[in-house]
C-alpha atoms as a PDB file:
ATOM      1  CA  MET A   1      10.800 -15.535  37.389  1.00  0.00           C
ATOM      2  CA  LYS A   2      10.210 -11.802  36.819  1.00  0.00           C
ATOM      3  CA  TRP A   3      13.549 -11.516  35.063  1.00  0.00           C
ATOM      4  CA  LEU A   4      12.725 -14.486  32.854  1.00  0.00           C
ATOM      5  CA  THR A   5       9.409 -12.863  31.889  1.00  0.00           C
ATOM      6  CA  LEU A   6      11.143  -9.581  31.080  1.00  0.00           C
ATOM      7  CA  LEU A   7      13.752 -11.317  28.945  1.00  0.00           C
ATOM      8  CA  ALA A   8      10.993 -13.097  27.054  1.00  0.00           C
ATOM      9  CA  ILE A   9       9.262  -9.877  26.035  1.00  0.00           C
ATOM     10  CA  VAL A  10      12.381  -7.849  25.133  1.00  0.00           C
ATOM     11  CA  PRO A  11      12.621  -9.336  21.593  1.00  0.00           C
ATOM     12  CA  PHE A  12       8.954  -8.442  21.047  1.00  0.00           C
ATOM     13  CA  LEU A  13       9.540  -4.861  22.157  1.00  0.00           C
ATOM     14  CA  THR A  14      12.590  -4.599  19.902  1.00  0.00           C
ATOM     15  CA  GLN A  15      10.597  -5.928  16.965  1.00  0.00           C
ATOM     16  CA  CYS A  16       7.583  -3.670  17.455  1.00  0.00           C
ATOM     17  CA  GLY A  17       8.922  -0.362  18.810  1.00  0.00           C
ATOM     18  CA  GLY A  18       8.068   2.334  16.267  1.00  0.00           C
ATOM     19  CA  PHE A  19       6.554  -0.242  13.926  1.00  0.00           C
ATOM     20  CA  GLY A  20       2.952  -0.198  15.100  1.00  0.00           C
ATOM     21  CA  GLY A  21       3.162  -3.695  16.555  1.00  0.00           C
ATOM     22  CA  THR A  22       3.665  -5.246  13.123  1.00  0.00           C
ATOM     23  CA  SER A  23       5.934  -8.001  11.899  1.00  0.00           C
ATOM     24  CA  VAL A  24       6.183  -9.876   8.619  1.00  0.00           C
ATOM     25  CA  SER A  25       5.275 -13.185  10.203  1.00  0.00           C
ATOM     26  CA  ASP A  26       2.318 -12.013  12.305  1.00  0.00           C
ATOM     27  CA  SER A  27       0.698  -9.298  10.144  1.00  0.00           C
ATOM     28  CA  PRO A  28      -1.646  -9.868   7.185  1.00  0.00           C
ATOM     29  CA  ALA A  29       0.234  -9.700   3.878  1.00  0.00           C
ATOM     30  CA  VAL A  30      -0.959  -7.397   1.089  1.00  0.00           C
ATOM     31  CA  LEU A  31       0.748  -7.277  -2.322  1.00  0.00           C
ATOM     32  CA  ASN A  32       0.500  -4.653  -5.062  1.00  0.00           C
ATOM     33  CA  VAL A  33       1.170  -4.926  -8.789  1.00  0.00           C
ATOM     34  CA  SER A  34       1.138  -2.889 -11.984  1.00  0.00           C
ATOM     35  CA  SER A  35       2.071  -3.300 -15.636  1.00  0.00           C
ATOM     36  CA  TRP A  36       5.688  -3.633 -14.432  1.00  0.00           C
ATOM     37  CA  ASP A  37       4.777  -7.021 -12.965  1.00  0.00           C
ATOM     38  CA  PRO A  38       5.719  -9.749 -12.872  1.00  0.00           C
ATOM     39  CA  LYS A  39       9.293  -8.602 -12.648  1.00  0.00           C
ATOM     40  CA  GLU A  40      12.052 -10.916 -13.789  1.00  0.00           C
ATOM     41  CA  ILE A  41      12.692 -14.336 -12.272  1.00  0.00           C
ATOM     42  CA  GLN A  42      15.637 -14.079  -9.893  1.00  0.00           C
ATOM     43  CA  ARG A  43      15.713 -17.468  -8.205  1.00  0.00           C
ATOM     44  CA  GLY A  44      14.007 -20.828  -8.055  1.00  0.00           C
ATOM     45  CA  GLY A  45      10.549 -20.885  -6.559  1.00  0.00           C
ATOM     46  CA  ASP A  46       6.921 -20.167  -7.323  1.00  0.00           C
ATOM     47  CA  ARG A  47       6.063 -17.968 -10.279  1.00  0.00           C
ATOM     48  CA  TYR A  48       3.020 -15.936 -11.186  1.00  0.00           C
ATOM     49  CA  SER A  49       1.570 -14.104 -14.167  1.00  0.00           C
ATOM     50  CA  ARG A  50      -1.178 -11.570 -14.734  1.00  0.00           C
ATOM     51  CA  HIS A  51      -3.486 -14.517 -15.424  1.00  0.00           C
ATOM     52  CA  ASP A  52      -2.538 -16.674 -12.437  1.00  0.00           C
ATOM     53  CA  VAL A  53      -1.613 -15.309  -9.008  1.00  0.00           C
ATOM     54  CA  SER A  54      -2.496 -18.450  -7.059  1.00  0.00           C
ATOM     55  CA  ALA A  55       1.147 -18.720  -5.934  1.00  0.00           C
ATOM     56  CA  MET A  56       0.725 -15.452  -4.044  1.00  0.00           C
ATOM     57  CA  ARG A  57      -2.184 -16.902  -2.118  1.00  0.00           C
ATOM     58  CA  ARG A  58      -0.287 -20.127  -1.411  1.00  0.00           C
ATOM     59  CA  ASN A  59       2.502 -18.019   0.072  1.00  0.00           C
ATOM     60  CA  GLY A  60       0.105 -16.297   2.440  1.00  0.00           C
ATOM     61  CA  ALA A  61      -1.021 -13.107   0.685  1.00  0.00           C
ATOM     62  CA  LEU A  62      -4.596 -12.217   1.595  1.00  0.00           C
ATOM     63  CA  ALA A  63      -5.065  -9.326  -0.814  1.00  0.00           C
ATOM     64  CA  LEU A  64      -3.785  -7.906  -4.089  1.00  0.00           C
ATOM     65  CA  ILE A  65      -3.988  -4.229  -5.085  1.00  0.00           C
ATOM     66  CA  ALA A  66      -3.520  -3.619  -8.823  1.00  0.00           C
ATOM     67  CA  ARG A  67      -2.871  -0.318 -10.598  1.00  0.00           C
ATOM     68  CA  SER A  68      -5.817   0.864 -12.660  1.00  0.00           C
ATOM     69  CA  ALA A  69      -4.112   3.806 -14.364  1.00  0.00           C
ATOM     70  CA  LYS A  70      -1.443   6.459 -14.121  1.00  0.00           C
ATOM     71  CA  GLY A  71      -3.238   9.703 -14.843  1.00  0.00           C
ATOM     72  CA  PRO A  72      -4.991   9.210 -18.188  1.00  0.00           C
ATOM     73  CA  ALA A  73      -2.821   6.217 -19.144  1.00  0.00           C
ATOM     74  CA  LEU A  74      -4.640   2.960 -18.412  1.00  0.00           C
ATOM     75  CA  ASP A  75      -2.706   0.026 -16.977  1.00  0.00           C
ATOM     76  CA  ASP A  76      -3.201  -2.777 -19.494  1.00  0.00           C
ATOM     77  CA  LYS A  77      -2.760  -5.552 -16.894  1.00  0.00           C
ATOM     78  CA  PHE A  78      -5.286  -4.258 -14.370  1.00  0.00           C
ATOM     79  CA  ALA A  79      -8.267  -6.319 -15.508  1.00  0.00           C
ATOM     80  CA  ASP A  80      -6.272  -9.555 -15.701  1.00  0.00           C
ATOM     81  CA  PHE A  81      -4.698  -9.093 -12.266  1.00  0.00           C
ATOM     82  CA  ALA A  82      -8.065  -8.229 -10.711  1.00  0.00           C
ATOM     83  CA  LYS A  83      -9.697 -11.308 -12.201  1.00  0.00           C
ATOM     84  CA  SER A  84      -6.883 -13.688 -11.278  1.00  0.00           C
ATOM     85  CA  ALA A  85      -6.752 -12.382  -7.684  1.00  0.00           C
ATOM     86  CA  ASP A  86     -10.508 -12.796  -7.362  1.00  0.00           C
ATOM     87  CA  ARG A  87     -10.288 -16.326  -8.765  1.00  0.00           C
ATOM     88  CA  ALA A  88      -7.535 -17.162  -6.241  1.00  0.00           C
ATOM     89  CA  GLY A  89      -9.798 -16.100  -3.365  1.00  0.00           C
ATOM     90  CA  MET A  90      -7.856 -12.957  -2.533  1.00  0.00           C
ATOM     91  CA  MET A  91      -9.359  -9.597  -1.642  1.00  0.00           C
ATOM     92  CA  VAL A  92      -9.051  -7.259  -4.627  1.00  0.00           C
ATOM     93  CA  GLY A  93      -7.947  -3.650  -4.541  1.00  0.00           C
ATOM     94  CA  ALA A  94      -7.297  -0.975  -7.154  1.00  0.00           C
ATOM     95  CA  TYR A  95      -5.057   2.074  -7.088  1.00  0.00           C
ATOM     96  CA  HIS A  96      -4.906   5.122  -9.305  1.00  0.00           C
ATOM     97  CA  PHE A  97      -1.650   7.052  -9.620  1.00  0.00           C
ATOM     98  CA  VAL A  98      -2.854  10.648  -9.433  1.00  0.00           C
ATOM     99  CA  THR A  99      -0.628  12.717 -11.720  1.00  0.00           C
ATOM    100  CA  THR A 100      -0.109  16.443 -11.203  1.00  0.00           C
ATOM    101  CA  GLY A 101      -1.560  17.340 -14.605  1.00  0.00           C
ATOM    102  CA  GLY A 102      -5.292  17.814 -14.909  1.00  0.00           C
ATOM    103  CA  SER A 103      -8.022  17.759 -12.314  1.00  0.00           C
ATOM    104  CA  ALA A 104      -7.636  15.343  -9.414  1.00  0.00           C
ATOM    105  CA  ALA A 105     -11.435  15.093  -9.223  1.00  0.00           C
ATOM    106  CA  ALA A 106     -11.612  14.145 -12.901  1.00  0.00           C
ATOM    107  CA  GLN A 107      -9.010  11.447 -12.299  1.00  0.00           C
ATOM    108  CA  ALA A 108     -11.140  10.151  -9.420  1.00  0.00           C
ATOM    109  CA  ASP A 109     -14.119   9.940 -11.779  1.00  0.00           C
ATOM    110  CA  ALA A 110     -12.091   8.031 -14.372  1.00  0.00           C
ATOM    111  CA  PHE A 111     -10.760   5.708 -11.663  1.00  0.00           C
ATOM    112  CA  ILE A 112     -14.184   4.806 -10.303  1.00  0.00           C
ATOM    113  CA  ASP A 113     -15.631   4.320 -13.788  1.00  0.00           C
ATOM    114  CA  ARG A 114     -12.847   1.975 -14.796  1.00  0.00           C
ATOM    115  CA  VAL A 115     -12.983  -0.121 -11.639  1.00  0.00           C
ATOM    116  CA  LYS A 116     -16.732  -0.584 -12.070  1.00  0.00           C
ATOM    117  CA  SER A 117     -16.355  -1.407 -15.756  1.00  0.00           C
ATOM    118  CA  VAL A 118     -13.627  -4.002 -15.184  1.00  0.00           C
ATOM    119  CA  ALA A 119     -15.469  -5.615 -12.273  1.00  0.00           C
ATOM    120  CA  ARG A 120     -18.609  -6.015 -14.380  1.00  0.00           C
ATOM    121  CA  SER A 121     -16.954  -7.084 -17.614  1.00  0.00           C
ATOM    122  CA  ARG A 122     -14.684  -9.627 -15.924  1.00  0.00           C
ATOM    123  CA  GLY A 123     -17.393 -11.015 -13.669  1.00  0.00           C
ATOM    124  CA  LEU A 124     -15.699 -10.451 -10.325  1.00  0.00           C
ATOM    125  CA  SER A 125     -17.240 -11.828  -7.148  1.00  0.00           C
ATOM    126  CA  HIS A 126     -19.664  -9.589  -5.314  1.00  0.00           C
ATOM    127  CA  ARG A 127     -17.032  -8.386  -2.893  1.00  0.00           C
ATOM    128  CA  ARG A 128     -15.902  -4.836  -2.350  1.00  0.00           C
ATOM    129  CA  ILE A 129     -12.829  -3.530  -4.194  1.00  0.00           C
ATOM    130  CA  LEU A 130     -10.498  -1.398  -2.081  1.00  0.00           C
ATOM    131  CA  LEU A 131      -9.956   2.082  -3.567  1.00  0.00           C
ATOM    132  CA  VAL A 132      -6.525   3.732  -3.272  1.00  0.00           C
ATOM    133  CA  GLY A 133      -5.169   7.079  -4.443  1.00  0.00           C
ATOM    134  CA  ASP A 134      -1.385   7.034  -5.029  1.00  0.00           C
ATOM    135  CA  PHE A 135       0.219  10.491  -4.869  1.00  0.00           C
ATOM    136  CA  ASP A 136       3.736  11.362  -6.002  1.00  0.00           C
ATOM    137  CA  THR A 137       6.210  13.729  -4.350  1.00  0.00           C
ATOM    138  CA  HIS A 138       5.017  16.794  -6.305  1.00  0.00           C
ATOM    139  CA  SER A 139       1.470  16.542  -4.994  1.00  0.00           C
ATOM    140  CA  THR A 140      -0.213  19.165  -2.831  1.00  0.00           C
ATOM    141  CA  PRO A 141      -2.801  18.876  -0.040  1.00  0.00           C
ATOM    142  CA  ASP A 142      -5.519  20.429  -2.194  1.00  0.00           C
ATOM    143  CA  ARG A 143      -5.141  17.624  -4.743  1.00  0.00           C
ATOM    144  CA  LEU A 144      -5.488  14.982  -2.037  1.00  0.00           C
ATOM    145  CA  VAL A 145      -8.612  16.730  -0.749  1.00  0.00           C
ATOM    146  CA  SER A 146     -10.110  16.994  -4.237  1.00  0.00           C
ATOM    147  CA  PHE A 147      -9.513  13.299  -4.967  1.00  0.00           C
ATOM    148  CA  ILE A 148     -10.809  12.108  -1.580  1.00  0.00           C
ATOM    149  CA  GLU A 149     -13.959  14.224  -1.682  1.00  0.00           C
ATOM    150  CA  ARG A 150     -14.807  13.190  -5.243  1.00  0.00           C
ATOM    151  CA  VAL A 151     -14.453   9.485  -4.433  1.00  0.00           C
ATOM    152  CA  GLU A 152     -16.635   9.975  -1.368  1.00  0.00           C
ATOM    153  CA  GLN A 153     -19.272  11.827  -3.404  1.00  0.00           C
ATOM    154  CA  ARG A 154     -19.358   9.114  -6.072  1.00  0.00           C
ATOM    155  CA  THR A 155     -19.126   5.993  -3.902  1.00  0.00           C
ATOM    156  CA  GLY A 156     -19.965   6.851  -0.306  1.00  0.00           C
ATOM    157  CA  VAL A 157     -16.603   5.451   0.862  1.00  0.00           C
ATOM    158  CA  THR A 158     -13.317   7.133   1.721  1.00  0.00           C
ATOM    159  CA  PRO A 159     -10.299   5.894  -0.278  1.00  0.00           C
ATOM    160  CA  VAL A 160      -6.968   4.871   1.165  1.00  0.00           C
ATOM    161  CA  ILE A 161      -4.063   7.257   0.494  1.00  0.00           C
ATOM    162  CA  TYR A 162      -0.573   6.054  -0.519  1.00  0.00           C
ATOM    163  CA  LEU A 163       2.221   8.610  -0.442  1.00  0.00           C
ATOM    164  CA  GLU A 164       5.659   8.713  -1.988  1.00  0.00           C
ATOM    165  CA  ASN A 165       8.030  10.422   0.409  1.00  0.00           C
ATOM    166  CA  SER A 166      10.107  13.571   0.100  1.00  0.00           C
ATOM    167  CA  ASP A 167      11.061  16.450   2.377  1.00  0.00           C
ATOM    168  CA  GLY A 168       9.098  18.863   0.185  1.00  0.00           C
ATOM    169  CA  PHE A 169       5.936  16.783   0.194  1.00  0.00           C
ATOM    170  CA  ARG A 170       6.071  16.374   3.962  1.00  0.00           C
ATOM    171  CA  ALA A 171       6.544  20.134   4.398  1.00  0.00           C
ATOM    172  CA  ARG A 172       3.511  20.855   2.197  1.00  0.00           C
ATOM    173  CA  MET A 173       1.436  18.358   4.167  1.00  0.00           C
ATOM    174  CA  ARG A 174       2.454  19.871   7.513  1.00  0.00           C
ATOM    175  CA  ALA A 175       1.498  23.311   6.178  1.00  0.00           C
ATOM    176  CA  ALA A 176      -1.960  22.163   5.052  1.00  0.00           C
ATOM    177  CA  SER A 177      -4.886  24.073   6.501  1.00  0.00           C
ATOM    178  CA  PRO A 178      -6.895  22.603   9.387  1.00  0.00           C
ATOM    179  CA  ALA A 179      -9.826  22.100   6.996  1.00  0.00           C
ATOM    180  CA  GLN A 180      -7.637  20.207   4.509  1.00  0.00           C
ATOM    181  CA  LYS A 181      -6.197  18.023   7.252  1.00  0.00           C
ATOM    182  CA  ARG A 182      -9.671  17.116   8.500  1.00  0.00           C
ATOM    183  CA  VAL A 183     -10.517  15.702   5.070  1.00  0.00           C
ATOM    184  CA  ILE A 184      -7.172  13.961   4.591  1.00  0.00           C
ATOM    185  CA  ARG A 185      -7.360  12.320   8.028  1.00  0.00           C
ATOM    186  CA  ARG A 186     -10.521  10.534   6.948  1.00  0.00           C
ATOM    187  CA  ALA A 187      -8.417   8.552   4.469  1.00  0.00           C
ATOM    188  CA  PRO A 188      -6.232   5.801   5.987  1.00  0.00           C
ATOM    189  CA  TYR A 189      -2.507   6.264   5.390  1.00  0.00           C
ATOM    190  CA  TRP A 190      -0.619   3.557   3.469  1.00  0.00           C
ATOM    191  CA  LEU A 191       3.040   4.420   3.830  1.00  0.00           C
ATOM    192  CA  ALA A 192       6.077   3.454   1.783  1.00  0.00           C
ATOM    193  CA  LEU A 193       9.322   2.945   3.683  1.00  0.00           C
ATOM    194  CA  TYR A 194      11.999   0.489   2.590  1.00  0.00           C
ATOM    195  CA  GLY A 195      14.764   1.329   5.047  1.00  0.00           C
ATOM    196  CA  PRO A 196      15.637   3.456   8.080  1.00  0.00           C
ATOM    197  CA  GLY A 197      18.448   5.440   6.466  1.00  0.00           C
ATOM    198  CA  GLY A 198      19.069   7.328   3.235  1.00  0.00           C
ATOM    199  CA  THR A 199      18.270  11.022   3.039  1.00  0.00           C
ATOM    200  CA  GLU A 200      15.355  10.649   5.449  1.00  0.00           C
ATOM    201  CA  ARG A 201      16.004  11.193   9.153  1.00  0.00           C
ATOM    202  CA  ALA A 202      13.786  10.270  12.048  1.00  0.00           C
ATOM    203  CA  ILE A 203      12.555  12.900  14.449  1.00  0.00           C
ATOM    204  CA  GLY A 204      15.097  13.152  17.241  1.00  0.00           C
ATOM    205  CA  GLY A 205      17.705  11.218  15.264  1.00  0.00           C
ATOM    206  CA  GLY A 206      18.163   7.505  14.752  1.00  0.00           C
ATOM    207  CA  GLY A 207      16.580   5.293  12.158  1.00  0.00           C
ATOM    208  CA  LEU A 208      13.340   6.189  10.443  1.00  0.00           C
ATOM    209  CA  THR A 209      10.366   3.991  11.364  1.00  0.00           C
ATOM    210  CA  PRO A 210       6.760   3.944  10.128  1.00  0.00           C
ATOM    211  CA  ASP A 211       5.607   5.714  13.286  1.00  0.00           C
ATOM    212  CA  SER A 212       8.190   8.489  12.956  1.00  0.00           C
ATOM    213  CA  LEU A 213       7.462   8.915   9.243  1.00  0.00           C
ATOM    214  CA  CYS A 214       3.771   9.245  10.026  1.00  0.00           C
ATOM    215  CA  GLU A 215       4.599  11.928  12.583  1.00  0.00           C
ATOM    216  CA  MET A 216       6.644  13.841  10.012  1.00  0.00           C
ATOM    217  CA  TYR A 217       3.570  14.489   7.881  1.00  0.00           C
ATOM    218  CA  GLY A 218       1.838  16.288  10.729  1.00  0.00           C
ATOM    219  CA  CYS A 219      -1.540  14.991   9.600  1.00  0.00           C
ATOM    220  CA  TRP A 220      -2.377  11.407  10.570  1.00  0.00           C
ATOM    221  CA  SER A 221      -2.225  10.075  14.102  1.00  0.00           C
ATOM    222  CA  ASP A 222      -1.477   6.558  12.830  1.00  0.00           C
ATOM    223  CA  TRP A 223      -1.113   4.428   9.697  1.00  0.00           C
ATOM    224  CA  LYS A 224      -2.882   1.291   8.449  1.00  0.00           C
ATOM    225  CA  MET A 225      -0.580  -0.353   5.883  1.00  0.00           C
ATOM    226  CA  TRP A 226       3.172  -0.275   5.421  1.00  0.00           C
ATOM    227  CA  GLN A 227       4.851  -1.122   2.138  1.00  0.00           C
ATOM    228  CA  TYR A 228       8.132  -2.361   3.535  1.00  0.00           C
ATOM    229  CA  GLY A 229       9.333  -4.123   0.370  1.00  0.00           C
ATOM    230  CA  GLY A 230       9.701  -3.007  -3.215  1.00  0.00           C
ATOM    231  CA  VAL A 231      12.279  -2.777  -5.968  1.00  0.00           C
ATOM    232  CA  THR A 232      14.819  -0.398  -7.350  1.00  0.00           C
ATOM    233  CA  TRP A 233      15.768  -0.411 -11.023  1.00  0.00           C
ATOM    234  CA  GLU A 234      19.404  -0.791 -12.039  1.00  0.00           C
ATOM    235  CA  ASN A 235      20.911  -1.502 -15.461  1.00  0.00           C
ATOM    236  CA  GLY A 236      17.568  -2.494 -16.924  1.00  0.00           C
ATOM    237  CA  GLY A 237      16.704  -4.917 -14.139  1.00  0.00           C
ATOM    238  CA  SER A 238      15.088  -4.844 -10.727  1.00  0.00           C
ATOM    239  CA  ARG A 239      16.673  -5.323  -7.338  1.00  0.00           C
ATOM    240  CA  ALA A 240      14.675  -6.090  -4.227  1.00  0.00           C
ATOM    241  CA  LYS A 241      14.751  -3.495  -1.467  1.00  0.00           C
ATOM    242  CA  HIS A 242      13.132  -4.011   1.901  1.00  0.00           C
ATOM    243  CA  TYR A 243      13.122  -2.797   5.490  1.00  0.00           C
ATOM    244  CA  ASN A 244      15.422  -5.200   7.275  1.00  0.00           C
ATOM    245  CA  THR A 245      17.248  -4.214  10.455  1.00  0.00           C
ATOM    246  CA  SER A 246      17.981  -5.692  13.857  1.00  0.00           C
ATOM    247  CA  ALA A 247      14.805  -3.989  15.100  1.00  0.00           C
ATOM    248  CA  TRP A 248      12.442  -5.104  12.297  1.00  0.00           C
ATOM    249  CA  ARG A 249      13.280  -7.939   9.948  1.00  0.00           C
ATOM    250  CA  SER A 250      11.956  -8.969   6.566  1.00  0.00           C
ATOM    251  CA  PRO A 251      13.155 -11.467   3.955  1.00  0.00           C
ATOM    252  CA  ARG A 252      14.474 -10.384   0.572  1.00  0.00           C
ATOM    253  CA  TYR A 253      11.633 -12.177  -1.222  1.00  0.00           C
ATOM    254  CA  PHE A 254       8.004 -12.923  -0.427  1.00  0.00           C
ATOM    255  CA  GLY A 255       7.741 -16.528   0.677  1.00  0.00           C
ATOM    256  CA  ASN A 256       9.241 -18.784  -1.973  1.00  0.00           C
ATOM    257  CA  MET A 257       8.314 -16.493  -4.873  1.00  0.00           C
ATOM    258  CA  ALA A 258      10.895 -16.344  -7.645  1.00  0.00           C
ATOM    259  CA  HIS A 259      10.190 -12.687  -8.472  1.00  0.00           C
ATOM    260  CA  PRO A 260      10.938  -9.537  -6.451  1.00  0.00           C
ATOM    261  CA  MET A 261       7.634  -8.061  -5.290  1.00  0.00           C
ATOM    262  CA  GLU A 262       6.117  -4.982  -3.718  1.00  0.00           C
ATOM    263  CA  ARG A 263       4.693  -6.078  -0.384  1.00  0.00           C
ATOM    264  CA  SER A 264       3.015  -4.573   2.652  1.00  0.00           C
ATOM    265  CA  VAL A 265       1.892  -5.496   6.124  1.00  0.00           C
ATOM    266  CA  PHE A 266      -1.515  -4.507   7.458  1.00  0.00           C
ATOM    267  CA  ARG A 267      -1.671  -3.086  10.951  1.00  0.00           C
ATOM    268  CA  GLY A 268      -4.219  -5.445  12.461  1.00  0.00           C
ATOM    269  CA  SER A 269      -5.613  -8.962  12.280  1.00  0.00           C
ATOM    270  CA  PRO A 270      -6.944 -10.792   9.211  1.00  0.00           C
ATOM    271  CA  GLU A 271     -10.461 -10.110  10.488  1.00  0.00           C
ATOM    272  CA  GLU A 272      -9.658  -6.409  10.810  1.00  0.00           C
ATOM    273  CA  LEU A 273      -8.206  -6.433   7.290  1.00  0.00           C
ATOM    274  CA  ALA A 274     -11.489  -7.789   5.922  1.00  0.00           C
ATOM    275  CA  GLU A 275     -13.399  -5.104   7.839  1.00  0.00           C
ATOM    276  CA  PHE A 276     -11.006  -2.453   6.512  1.00  0.00           C
ATOM    277  CA  TRP A 277     -11.605  -3.698   2.952  1.00  0.00           C
ATOM    278  CA  ASN A 278     -15.355  -3.459   3.394  1.00  0.00           C
ATOM    279  CA  GLN A 279     -15.173   0.011   4.924  1.00  0.00           C
ATOM    280  CA  HIS A 280     -12.958   1.512   2.199  1.00  0.00           C
ATOM    281  CA  GLY A 281     -14.015  -0.652  -0.703  1.00  0.00           C
ATOM    282  CA  LEU A 282     -16.323   0.016  -3.637  1.00  0.00           C
ATOM    283  CA  ALA A 283     -19.591  -1.924  -3.848  1.00  0.00           C
ATOM    284  CA  TRP A 284     -19.579  -1.968  -7.639  1.00  0.00           C
ATOM    285  CA  TRP A 285     -22.571  -4.249  -8.375  1.00  0.00           C
END
């Protein structure tokens, strides 16, 4: 009987080792979009538009995070995506791609102002809107600190931080001062990792996992969301890419959606996701 019990839990251990206990089937699904979406139709199945994302909800997505702007350039689909997600009963989030030009604090101001303006003008439900700062590989710890502190000063909440990965960025984060790391640790880490290989290597060898990537930054003790699926652009079109190995599996597409999509799992239960949204979301009304 003991051997039977052990055999029963081995698949679970294989699935969850280094992955924070997450799986596609058992973790809350969060999608993110920008003006690049919807990407082209690649198969039969449900479709969506900036004006109707109900198919996402039917396929199990609980939340949608839409890009507000990239630096000073506003995303022209943000308001429509926010409204359609709200109408579909999904939790709504917004992210700002913080460019390296100009003040990070000024970009935080512009981000907050736009989210409030869109929420009011489009008549969103009185629910909090998750705030996310998206930082590219050329970013520095001081820019993360400036953005986080400005959002906290303006809203009273700490934003989520999404990082694009590179050896240089990780080295700069590890070299951040203790004071900088204390601020950055307040912001939950949303990681991007589409596969265990490539130019990135896990600590101690082997495939890269969310846990090992988190360790590489030398800042956070854990992570809250993992974008395991996205796209790569080839010959003018998109191709789905996603973390899919014998240890952690994911399908090429989200549910029966006809489009490739950027998708994440939340590290926790649906109830914990709602609490997370309230804790790091803007009360805009």
